[in-house]
C-alpha atoms as a PDB file:
ATOM      1  CA  MET A   1       0.254   0.290  -0.036  1.00  0.00           C
ATOM      2  CA  ILE A   2       1.804   3.566  -0.627  1.00  0.00           C
ATOM      3  CA  GLN A   3       0.736   6.124   1.518  1.00  0.00           C
ATOM      4  CA  ILE A   4       1.236   9.565   0.610  1.00  0.00           C
ATOM      5  CA  GLY A   5       1.391  12.133   3.701  1.00  0.00           C
ATOM      6  CA  VAL A   6      -1.255  14.913   3.007  1.00  0.00           C
ATOM      7  CA  SER A   7      -0.211  18.155   4.668  1.00  0.00           C
ATOM      8  CA  ALA A   8      -3.203  19.236   7.489  1.00  0.00           C
ATOM      9  CA  CYS A   9      -5.419  22.491   6.804  1.00  0.00           C
ATOM     10  CA  PHE A  10      -6.967  23.717   9.942  1.00  0.00           C
ATOM     11  CA  MET A  11      -9.695  25.812  11.132  1.00  0.00           C
ATOM     12  CA  TYR A  12      -8.606  27.116  14.615  1.00  0.00           C
ATOM     13  CA  PRO A  13     -11.074  27.978  17.545  1.00  0.00           C
ATOM     14  CA  ASP A  14     -14.976  29.985  17.400  1.00  0.00           C
ATOM     15  CA  ALA A  15     -17.193  29.886  20.318  1.00  0.00           C
ATOM     16  CA  GLU A  16     -19.682  30.727  16.904  1.00  0.00           C
ATOM     17  CA  ARG A  17     -19.172  27.541  15.697  1.00  0.00           C
ATOM     18  CA  PRO A  18     -21.944  24.688  16.798  1.00  0.00           C
ATOM     19  CA  VAL A  19     -19.533  21.742  16.790  1.00  0.00           C
ATOM     20  CA  PHE A  20     -16.442  21.488  18.437  1.00  0.00           C
ATOM     21  CA  GLY A  21     -16.362  25.823  19.052  1.00  0.00           C
ATOM     22  CA  PRO A  22     -13.794  26.075  21.194  1.00  0.00           C
ATOM     23  CA  LYS A  23     -11.247  23.216  19.463  1.00  0.00           C
ATOM     24  CA  THR A  24      -8.465  23.120  16.790  1.00  0.00           C
ATOM     25  CA  LEU A  25     -10.211  21.223  13.749  1.00  0.00           C
ATOM     26  CA  ALA A  26      -7.012  19.763  11.418  1.00  0.00           C
ATOM     27  CA  TYR A  27      -8.187  18.902   7.961  1.00  0.00           C
ATOM     28  CA  LEU A  28      -8.189  17.454   4.651  1.00  0.00           C
ATOM     29  CA  GLU A  29     -10.224  18.837   1.751  1.00  0.00           C
ATOM     30  CA  GLN A  30     -12.617  16.133   0.286  1.00  0.00           C
ATOM     31  CA  ASP A  31     -11.896  16.805  -3.492  1.00  0.00           C
ATOM     32  CA  MET A  32      -8.314  16.455  -2.196  1.00  0.00           C
ATOM     33  CA  ALA A  33      -9.177  12.934  -1.112  1.00  0.00           C
ATOM     34  CA  HIS A  34     -11.163  11.619  -4.086  1.00  0.00           C
ATOM     35  CA  TYR A  35      -8.372  13.125  -6.139  1.00  0.00           C
ATOM     36  CA  LEU A  36      -5.404  11.095  -3.380  1.00  0.00           C
ATOM     37  CA  THR A  37      -6.607   8.254  -3.452  1.00  0.00           C
ATOM     38  CA  ARG A  38      -6.600   5.308  -5.331  1.00  0.00           C
ATOM     39  CA  PRO A  39      -6.675   1.446  -5.254  1.00  0.00           C
ATOM     40  CA  GLY A  40      -3.307   1.052  -3.334  1.00  0.00           C
ATOM     41  CA  VAL A  41      -2.769   4.246  -3.001  1.00  0.00           C
ATOM     42  CA  ILE A  42      -4.058   5.822   0.426  1.00  0.00           C
ATOM     43  CA  PRO A  43      -3.488   9.823   1.629  1.00  0.00           C
ATOM     44  CA  ILE A  44      -2.992   9.711   4.822  1.00  0.00           C
ATOM     45  CA  LEU A  45      -3.229  13.620   7.212  1.00  0.00           C
ATOM     46  CA  ILE A  46      -0.304  14.687   8.923  1.00  0.00           C
ATOM     47  CA  PRO A  47      -1.103  16.336  12.572  1.00  0.00           C
ATOM     48  CA  ASP A  48      -0.318  19.954  14.050  1.00  0.00           C
ATOM     49  CA  LEU A  49       2.629  17.430  16.136  1.00  0.00           C
ATOM     50  CA  GLU A  50       6.060  18.204  18.048  1.00  0.00           C
ATOM     51  CA  ASP A  51       8.648  16.750  16.285  1.00  0.00           C
ATOM     52  CA  PRO A  52       9.478  13.106  17.208  1.00  0.00           C
ATOM     53  CA  LEU A  53       6.320  12.365  17.444  1.00  0.00           C
ATOM     54  CA  LEU A  54       5.758  13.831  13.627  1.00  0.00           C
ATOM     55  CA  GLU A  55       9.431  12.497  12.803  1.00  0.00           C
ATOM     56  CA  GLN A  56       7.445   8.541  13.490  1.00  0.00           C
ATOM     57  CA  PHE A  57       4.482  10.134  10.499  1.00  0.00           C
ATOM     58  CA  ILE A  58       7.519  11.125   8.037  1.00  0.00           C
ATOM     59  CA  ASP A  59       9.183   7.934   7.847  1.00  0.00           C
ATOM     60  CA  ASN A  60       6.093   5.905   7.213  1.00  0.00           C
ATOM     61  CA  MET A  61       4.786   8.256   4.415  1.00  0.00           C
ATOM     62  CA  ASP A  62       6.002   7.777   0.954  1.00  0.00           C
ATOM     63  CA  GLY A  63       5.667  10.741  -0.821  1.00  0.00           C
ATOM     64  CA  PHE A  64       4.049  14.146   0.379  1.00  0.00           C
ATOM     65  CA  VAL A  65       1.637  16.793  -1.021  1.00  0.00           C
ATOM     66  CA  PHE A  66       1.520  20.521   0.821  1.00  0.00           C
ATOM     67  CA  GLN A  67      -2.745  21.544  -0.719  1.00  0.00           C
ATOM     68  CA  GLY A  68      -4.252  24.686  -0.699  1.00  0.00           C
ATOM     69  CA  GLY A  69      -6.233  27.008   1.344  1.00  0.00           C
ATOM     70  CA  THR A  70      -5.360  29.677   3.901  1.00  0.00           C
ATOM     71  CA  ASP A  71      -2.860  32.989   2.450  1.00  0.00           C
ATOM     72  CA  LEU A  72       1.209  32.302   4.268  1.00  0.00           C
ATOM     73  CA  SER A  73       1.605  34.923   6.035  1.00  0.00           C
ATOM     74  CA  PRO A  74       3.889  37.761   4.621  1.00  0.00           C
ATOM     75  CA  VAL A  75       5.934  37.364   8.145  1.00  0.00           C
ATOM     76  CA  SER A  76       7.265  34.476   6.741  1.00  0.00           C
ATOM     77  CA  TYR A  77       8.486  35.794   3.783  1.00  0.00           C
ATOM     78  CA  GLY A  78       9.824  39.016   5.708  1.00  0.00           C
ATOM     79  CA  GLU A  79       6.696  41.046   5.434  1.00  0.00           C
ATOM     80  CA  GLU A  80       4.499  42.970   6.994  1.00  0.00           C
ATOM     81  CA  PRO A  81       1.029  42.185   6.051  1.00  0.00           C
ATOM     82  CA  ILE A  82      -1.119  44.793   3.542  1.00  0.00           C
ATOM     83  CA  GLY A  83      -4.553  45.383   4.059  1.00  0.00           C
ATOM     84  CA  GLN A  84      -6.054  42.125   5.128  1.00  0.00           C
ATOM     85  CA  TRP A  85      -4.202  40.186   3.879  1.00  0.00           C
ATOM     86  CA  LYS A  86      -2.954  38.775   7.617  1.00  0.00           C
ATOM     87  CA  GLY A  87      -2.361  34.985   6.503  1.00  0.00           C
ATOM     88  CA  ASP A  88      -1.843  32.244   8.972  1.00  0.00           C
ATOM     89  CA  ARG A  89       1.734  32.215  10.250  1.00  0.00           C
ATOM     90  CA  GLN A  90       0.928  29.627  13.023  1.00  0.00           C
ATOM     91  CA  ARG A  91      -0.577  26.834   9.769  1.00  0.00           C
ATOM     92  CA  ASP A  92       3.271  28.346   8.072  1.00  0.00           C
ATOM     93  CA  LYS A  93       5.319  26.848  10.996  1.00  0.00           C
ATOM     94  CA  TYR A  94       3.234  23.692  10.876  1.00  0.00           C
ATOM     95  CA  GLU A  95       4.557  23.164   7.393  1.00  0.00           C
ATOM     96  CA  LEU A  96       7.448  24.807   7.154  1.00  0.00           C
ATOM     97  CA  ARG A  97       8.808  22.252   9.662  1.00  0.00           C
ATOM     98  CA  LEU A  98       7.085  19.645   7.067  1.00  0.00           C
ATOM     99  CA  MET A  99       8.789  20.979   4.608  1.00  0.00           C
ATOM    100  CA  LYS A 100      12.143  20.616   6.362  1.00  0.00           C
ATOM    101  CA  LEU A 101      11.381  17.025   7.387  1.00  0.00           C
ATOM    102  CA  ALA A 102      10.031  15.561   4.304  1.00  0.00           C
ATOM    103  CA  MET A 103      12.462  16.898   2.522  1.00  0.00           C
ATOM    104  CA  LYS A 104      15.217  15.252   4.357  1.00  0.00           C
ATOM    105  CA  THR A 105      14.604  12.171   2.947  1.00  0.00           C
ATOM    106  CA  GLY A 106      14.602  12.623  -0.337  1.00  0.00           C
ATOM    107  CA  LYS A 107      10.444  11.082  -1.533  1.00  0.00           C
ATOM    108  CA  PRO A 108       8.946  12.998  -4.113  1.00  0.00           C
ATOM    109  CA  ILE A 109       6.987  16.332  -2.917  1.00  0.00           C
ATOM    110  CA  LEU A 110       3.806  17.649  -4.390  1.00  0.00           C
ATOM    111  CA  GLY A 111       2.433  21.534  -3.216  1.00  0.00           C
ATOM    112  CA  ILE A 112      -0.821  22.228  -4.693  1.00  0.00           C
ATOM    113  CA  CYS A 113      -1.733  25.792  -4.939  1.00  0.00           C
ATOM    114  CA  ARG A 114      -0.475  27.110  -1.362  1.00  0.00           C
ATOM    115  CA  GLY A 115       1.525  24.341  -1.470  1.00  0.00           C
ATOM    116  CA  MET A 116       3.692  25.720  -3.641  1.00  0.00           C
ATOM    117  CA  GLN A 117       3.338  29.356  -2.360  1.00  0.00           C
ATOM    118  CA  LEU A 118       5.004  27.079   0.646  1.00  0.00           C
ATOM    119  CA  MET A 119       7.991  25.220  -1.374  1.00  0.00           C
ATOM    120  CA  ASN A 120       9.281  28.467  -2.342  1.00  0.00           C
ATOM    121  CA  VAL A 121       8.962  30.243   0.745  1.00  0.00           C
ATOM    122  CA  PHE A 122      10.595  27.023   2.042  1.00  0.00           C
ATOM    123  CA  PHE A 123      13.694  27.694   0.165  1.00  0.00           C
ATOM    124  CA  GLY A 124      13.687  31.483   0.504  1.00  0.00           C
ATOM    125  CA  GLY A 125      11.256  33.529  -2.184  1.00  0.00           C
ATOM    126  CA  SER A 126       8.528  36.010  -1.898  1.00  0.00           C
ATOM    127  CA  LEU A 127       4.680  36.077  -2.414  1.00  0.00           C
ATOM    128  CA  TYR A 128       2.339  39.119  -4.075  1.00  0.00           C
ATOM    129  CA  GLN A 129       0.279  39.483  -0.935  1.00  0.00           C
ATOM    130  CA  ASP A 130      -2.514  40.218  -3.869  1.00  0.00           C
ATOM    131  CA  THR A 131      -1.878  39.649  -7.707  1.00  0.00           C
ATOM    132  CA  SER A 132      -4.119  41.805  -8.331  1.00  0.00           C
ATOM    133  CA  THR A 133      -2.921  44.625  -6.946  1.00  0.00           C
ATOM    134  CA  GLN A 134       0.702  44.323  -6.688  1.00  0.00           C
ATOM    135  CA  ARG A 135       1.805  42.908  -9.658  1.00  0.00           C
ATOM    136  CA  GLU A 136       0.901  45.241 -13.133  1.00  0.00           C
ATOM    137  CA  ARG A 137      -0.632  44.087 -15.846  1.00  0.00           C
ATOM    138  CA  ALA A 138      -2.416  41.021 -13.904  1.00  0.00           C
ATOM    139  CA  ILE A 139      -5.472  39.079 -15.046  1.00  0.00           C
ATOM    140  CA  THR A 140      -8.498  37.796 -13.004  1.00  0.00           C
ATOM    141  CA  HIS A 141      -6.024  34.896 -11.238  1.00  0.00           C
ATOM    142  CA  ARG A 142      -9.569  34.422  -8.166  1.00  0.00           C
ATOM    143  CA  ASN A 143     -13.076  35.616  -7.990  1.00  0.00           C
ATOM    144  CA  ALA A 144     -14.862  34.522  -5.393  1.00  0.00           C
ATOM    145  CA  ALA A 145     -18.638  33.364  -6.954  1.00  0.00           C
ATOM    146  CA  LEU A 146     -16.414  31.707 -10.239  1.00  0.00           C
ATOM    147  CA  TYR A 147     -13.931  29.841  -7.757  1.00  0.00           C
ATOM    148  CA  ASP A 148     -12.782  26.753  -9.156  1.00  0.00           C
ATOM    149  CA  ALA A 149     -14.625  27.242 -13.186  1.00  0.00           C
ATOM    150  CA  LEU A 150     -12.277  30.512 -13.622  1.00  0.00           C
ATOM    151  CA  SER A 151      -9.601  29.626 -16.175  1.00  0.00           C
ATOM    152  CA  HIS A 152      -6.789  31.209 -18.089  1.00  0.00           C
ATOM    153  CA  GLU A 153      -3.923  29.416 -20.153  1.00  0.00           C
ATOM    154  CA  ILE A 154      -0.764  28.476 -19.485  1.00  0.00           C
ATOM    155  CA  ARG A 155       2.255  27.979 -21.468  1.00  0.00           C
ATOM    156  CA  PHE A 156       5.314  25.419 -20.292  1.00  0.00           C
ATOM    157  CA  THR A 157       8.130  25.415 -19.717  1.00  0.00           C
ATOM    158  CA  PRO A 158      10.105  23.780 -23.140  1.00  0.00           C
ATOM    159  CA  ASP A 159      11.579  20.217 -22.651  1.00  0.00           C
ATOM    160  CA  LYS A 160      10.451  20.332 -18.926  1.00  0.00           C
ATOM    161  CA  ILE A 161       8.999  17.738 -17.068  1.00  0.00           C
ATOM    162  CA  LEU A 162       5.586  19.162 -17.021  1.00  0.00           C
ATOM    163  CA  GLU A 163       5.544  19.882 -20.944  1.00  0.00           C
ATOM    164  CA  LYS A 164       6.869  16.304 -21.803  1.00  0.00           C
ATOM    165  CA  VAL A 165       4.110  15.421 -19.157  1.00  0.00           C
ATOM    166  CA  TYR A 166       0.628  17.174 -21.129  1.00  0.00           C
ATOM    167  CA  LYS A 167       1.988  17.250 -25.128  1.00  0.00           C
ATOM    168  CA  GLY A 168      -0.030  16.863 -27.435  1.00  0.00           C
ATOM    169  CA  SER A 169      -2.702  17.902 -24.424  1.00  0.00           C
ATOM    170  CA  SER A 170      -6.395  18.670 -25.689  1.00  0.00           C
ATOM    171  CA  SER A 171      -6.099  21.703 -23.539  1.00  0.00           C
ATOM    172  CA  ASN A 172      -3.775  24.139 -22.177  1.00  0.00           C
ATOM    173  CA  ARG A 173      -6.221  25.625 -19.976  1.00  0.00           C
ATOM    174  CA  VAL A 174      -5.590  25.446 -16.152  1.00  0.00           C
ATOM    175  CA  ASN A 175      -8.710  26.515 -12.870  1.00  0.00           C
ATOM    176  CA  SER A 176      -7.107  29.801 -10.709  1.00  0.00           C
ATOM    177  CA  VAL A 177      -8.253  30.565  -7.037  1.00  0.00           C
ATOM    178  CA  HIS A 178      -5.335  32.273  -5.354  1.00  0.00           C
ATOM    179  CA  HIS A 179      -5.021  35.388  -4.670  1.00  0.00           C
ATOM    180  CA  GLN A 180      -1.161  35.143  -3.872  1.00  0.00           C
ATOM    181  CA  SER A 181       1.035  34.162  -6.233  1.00  0.00           C
ATOM    182  CA  ILE A 182       5.420  34.342  -6.832  1.00  0.00           C
ATOM    183  CA  LYS A 183       7.631  37.181  -6.689  1.00  0.00           C
ATOM    184  CA  SER A 184      10.590  35.864  -6.629  1.00  0.00           C
ATOM    185  CA  LEU A 185      11.535  32.808  -7.359  1.00  0.00           C
ATOM    186  CA  GLY A 186      13.172  30.591  -4.227  1.00  0.00           C
ATOM    187  CA  ALA A 187      17.288  29.674  -4.161  1.00  0.00           C
ATOM    188  CA  SER A 188      18.138  26.030  -6.215  1.00  0.00           C
ATOM    189  CA  LEU A 189      14.109  26.616  -8.162  1.00  0.00           C
ATOM    190  CA  GLU A 190      13.451  27.206 -11.588  1.00  0.00           C
ATOM    191  CA  ILE A 191       9.923  27.720 -13.487  1.00  0.00           C
ATOM    192  CA  LEU A 192       8.301  24.592 -14.878  1.00  0.00           C
ATOM    193  CA  ALA A 193       4.231  26.490 -15.902  1.00  0.00           C
ATOM    194  CA  GLU A 194       3.851  30.369 -16.820  1.00  0.00           C
ATOM    195  CA  CYS A 195      -0.151  32.190 -17.382  1.00  0.00           C
ATOM    196  CA  PRO A 196       0.848  33.444 -21.128  1.00  0.00           C
ATOM    197  CA  ASP A 197      -1.322  36.384 -19.507  1.00  0.00           C
ATOM    198  CA  ASP A 198       0.260  38.386 -17.100  1.00  0.00           C
ATOM    199  CA  ASN A 199       3.353  36.302 -16.653  1.00  0.00           C
ATOM    200  CA  VAL A 200       2.836  34.799 -13.218  1.00  0.00           C
ATOM    201  CA  ILE A 201       4.705  32.022 -12.138  1.00  0.00           C
ATOM    202  CA  GLU A 202       2.155  28.635 -12.418  1.00  0.00           C
ATOM    203  CA  ALA A 203       4.254  26.352 -11.494  1.00  0.00           C
ATOM    204  CA  ILE A 204       8.199  25.388 -10.671  1.00  0.00           C
ATOM    205  CA  GLY A 205      10.206  22.436  -9.793  1.00  0.00           C
ATOM    206  CA  TYR A 206      13.123  22.252  -6.995  1.00  0.00           C
ATOM    207  CA  THR A 207      16.651  21.625  -9.151  1.00  0.00           C
ATOM    208  CA  LYS A 208      18.567  19.699  -6.848  1.00  0.00           C
ATOM    209  CA  ALA A 209      16.540  16.531  -7.409  1.00  0.00           C
ATOM    210  CA  PRO A 210      15.788  14.491 -10.081  1.00  0.00           C
ATOM    211  CA  ASP A 211      13.700  15.962 -13.138  1.00  0.00           C
ATOM    212  CA  GLY A 212       9.282  15.967 -11.040  1.00  0.00           C
ATOM    213  CA  TRP A 213      10.527  14.940  -7.845  1.00  0.00           C
ATOM    214  CA  VAL A 214       9.553  18.148  -6.112  1.00  0.00           C
ATOM    215  CA  MET A 215       7.499  20.802  -7.888  1.00  0.00           C
ATOM    216  CA  GLY A 216       4.647  22.471  -6.856  1.00  0.00           C
ATOM    217  CA  VAL A 217       1.806  23.509  -9.033  1.00  0.00           C
ATOM    218  CA  GLN A 218      -0.623  26.798  -8.893  1.00  0.00           C
ATOM    219  CA  TRP A 219      -3.853  25.217  -9.780  1.00  0.00           C
ATOM    220  CA  HIS A 220      -5.848  22.918  -8.157  1.00  0.00           C
ATOM    221  CA  PRO A 221      -6.199  19.605 -10.065  1.00  0.00           C
ATOM    222  CA  GLU A 222      -8.495  18.383  -7.328  1.00  0.00           C
ATOM    223  CA  PHE A 223     -11.282  20.799  -8.561  1.00  0.00           C
ATOM    224  CA  SER A 224     -11.073  19.790 -12.463  1.00  0.00           C
ATOM    225  CA  ALA A 225     -14.016  17.875 -12.683  1.00  0.00           C
ATOM    226  CA  ARG A 226     -16.257  21.630 -12.486  1.00  0.00           C
ATOM    227  CA  LEU A 227     -14.877  22.245 -16.106  1.00  0.00           C
ATOM    228  CA  GLY A 228     -14.363  19.422 -17.438  1.00  0.00           C
ATOM    229  CA  GLU A 229     -12.581  19.004 -20.790  1.00  0.00           C
ATOM    230  CA  GLU A 230     -11.992  22.497 -20.714  1.00  0.00           C
ATOM    231  CA  ILE A 231      -8.366  21.816 -18.247  1.00  0.00           C
ATOM    232  CA  ILE A 232      -5.619  19.747 -19.060  1.00  0.00           C
ATOM    233  CA  ASP A 233      -5.621  16.133 -17.526  1.00  0.00           C
ATOM    234  CA  SER A 234      -5.570  16.800 -13.894  1.00  0.00           C
ATOM    235  CA  SER A 235      -4.222  12.654 -13.304  1.00  0.00           C
ATOM    236  CA  LYS A 236      -1.409  12.628 -15.603  1.00  0.00           C
ATOM    237  CA  LEU A 237       0.039  15.981 -13.139  1.00  0.00           C
ATOM    238  CA  TYR A 238      -0.537  12.389 -10.434  1.00  0.00           C
ATOM    239  CA  ASP A 239       0.781  10.178 -12.232  1.00  0.00           C
ATOM    240  CA  CYS A 240       3.717  11.502 -13.037  1.00  0.00           C
ATOM    241  CA  PHE A 241       3.743  12.674  -8.831  1.00  0.00           C
ATOM    242  CA  LEU A 242       3.188   8.668  -8.431  1.00  0.00           C
ATOM    243  CA  GLY A 243       5.518   7.101 -10.633  1.00  0.00           C
ATOM    244  CA  GLN A 244       8.679   8.835  -8.467  1.00  0.00           C
ATOM    245  CA  VAL A 245       7.122   7.835  -5.183  1.00  0.00           C
ATOM    246  CA  LYS A 246       6.567   4.027  -7.483  1.00  0.00           C
ATOM    247  CA  LEU A 247      10.304   4.107  -8.622  1.00  0.00           C
ATOM    248  CA  LEU A 248      11.746   4.999  -5.232  1.00  0.00           C
ATOM    249  CA  LYS A 249       9.546   2.592  -3.314  1.00  0.00           C
ATOM    250  CA  SER A 250      10.808   0.252  -5.876  1.00  0.00           C
ATOM    251  CA  GLU A 251      14.377   0.634  -5.147  1.00  0.00           C
ATOM    252  CA  SER A 252      13.849   0.501  -0.963  1.00  0.00           C
END
């Protein structure tokens, strides 16, 4: 059985919430759970634990997925928040610890939306706190009403892993549900895809690991059912990731 460790999303104590109001909830978004689960492959939510206990989870996983969700706190990449964009510093601390431990294992890592942004910050990069106001000529990358029905074209970097994965694809579009985006690229990272309309970075890879071993995408492959064939086939991305996981597992 292949076990994919997944970083947790959090809901913090809220007196107005009728269930578990005083408690912090750690969760895996349902579409993500469906996306990551296959015959012989199960996702396992990794809780926020102290390092000695967290390491037990890490050691028993075959690969790691960092899921989307709330903004990163600008404090996590050395900036002061602007306006309402405070982010989730508590989740950042947990996931940055998790990323450090996951990197030490040498096992494949996939970051999705926030997960890609977290990967960039882990390697010393920074983000636009609000793409629409901070980046000139940016198209709309997030619309609360449209949510995962919003899409735009994508341009893969020639001869890199995602260009090879999607060569001959019938679509060149992805969904778009983010308002933060990469400003400065982290050390030892390369661009795997961009939005051709405004050059916002849409996918990154780590250059000191095999091609595609550690990578992140800005779109949400787990939300692909909404637009279907209008966007690229999300299963190809996960097939690529699982191929890396199976390769390592077969060698161990």
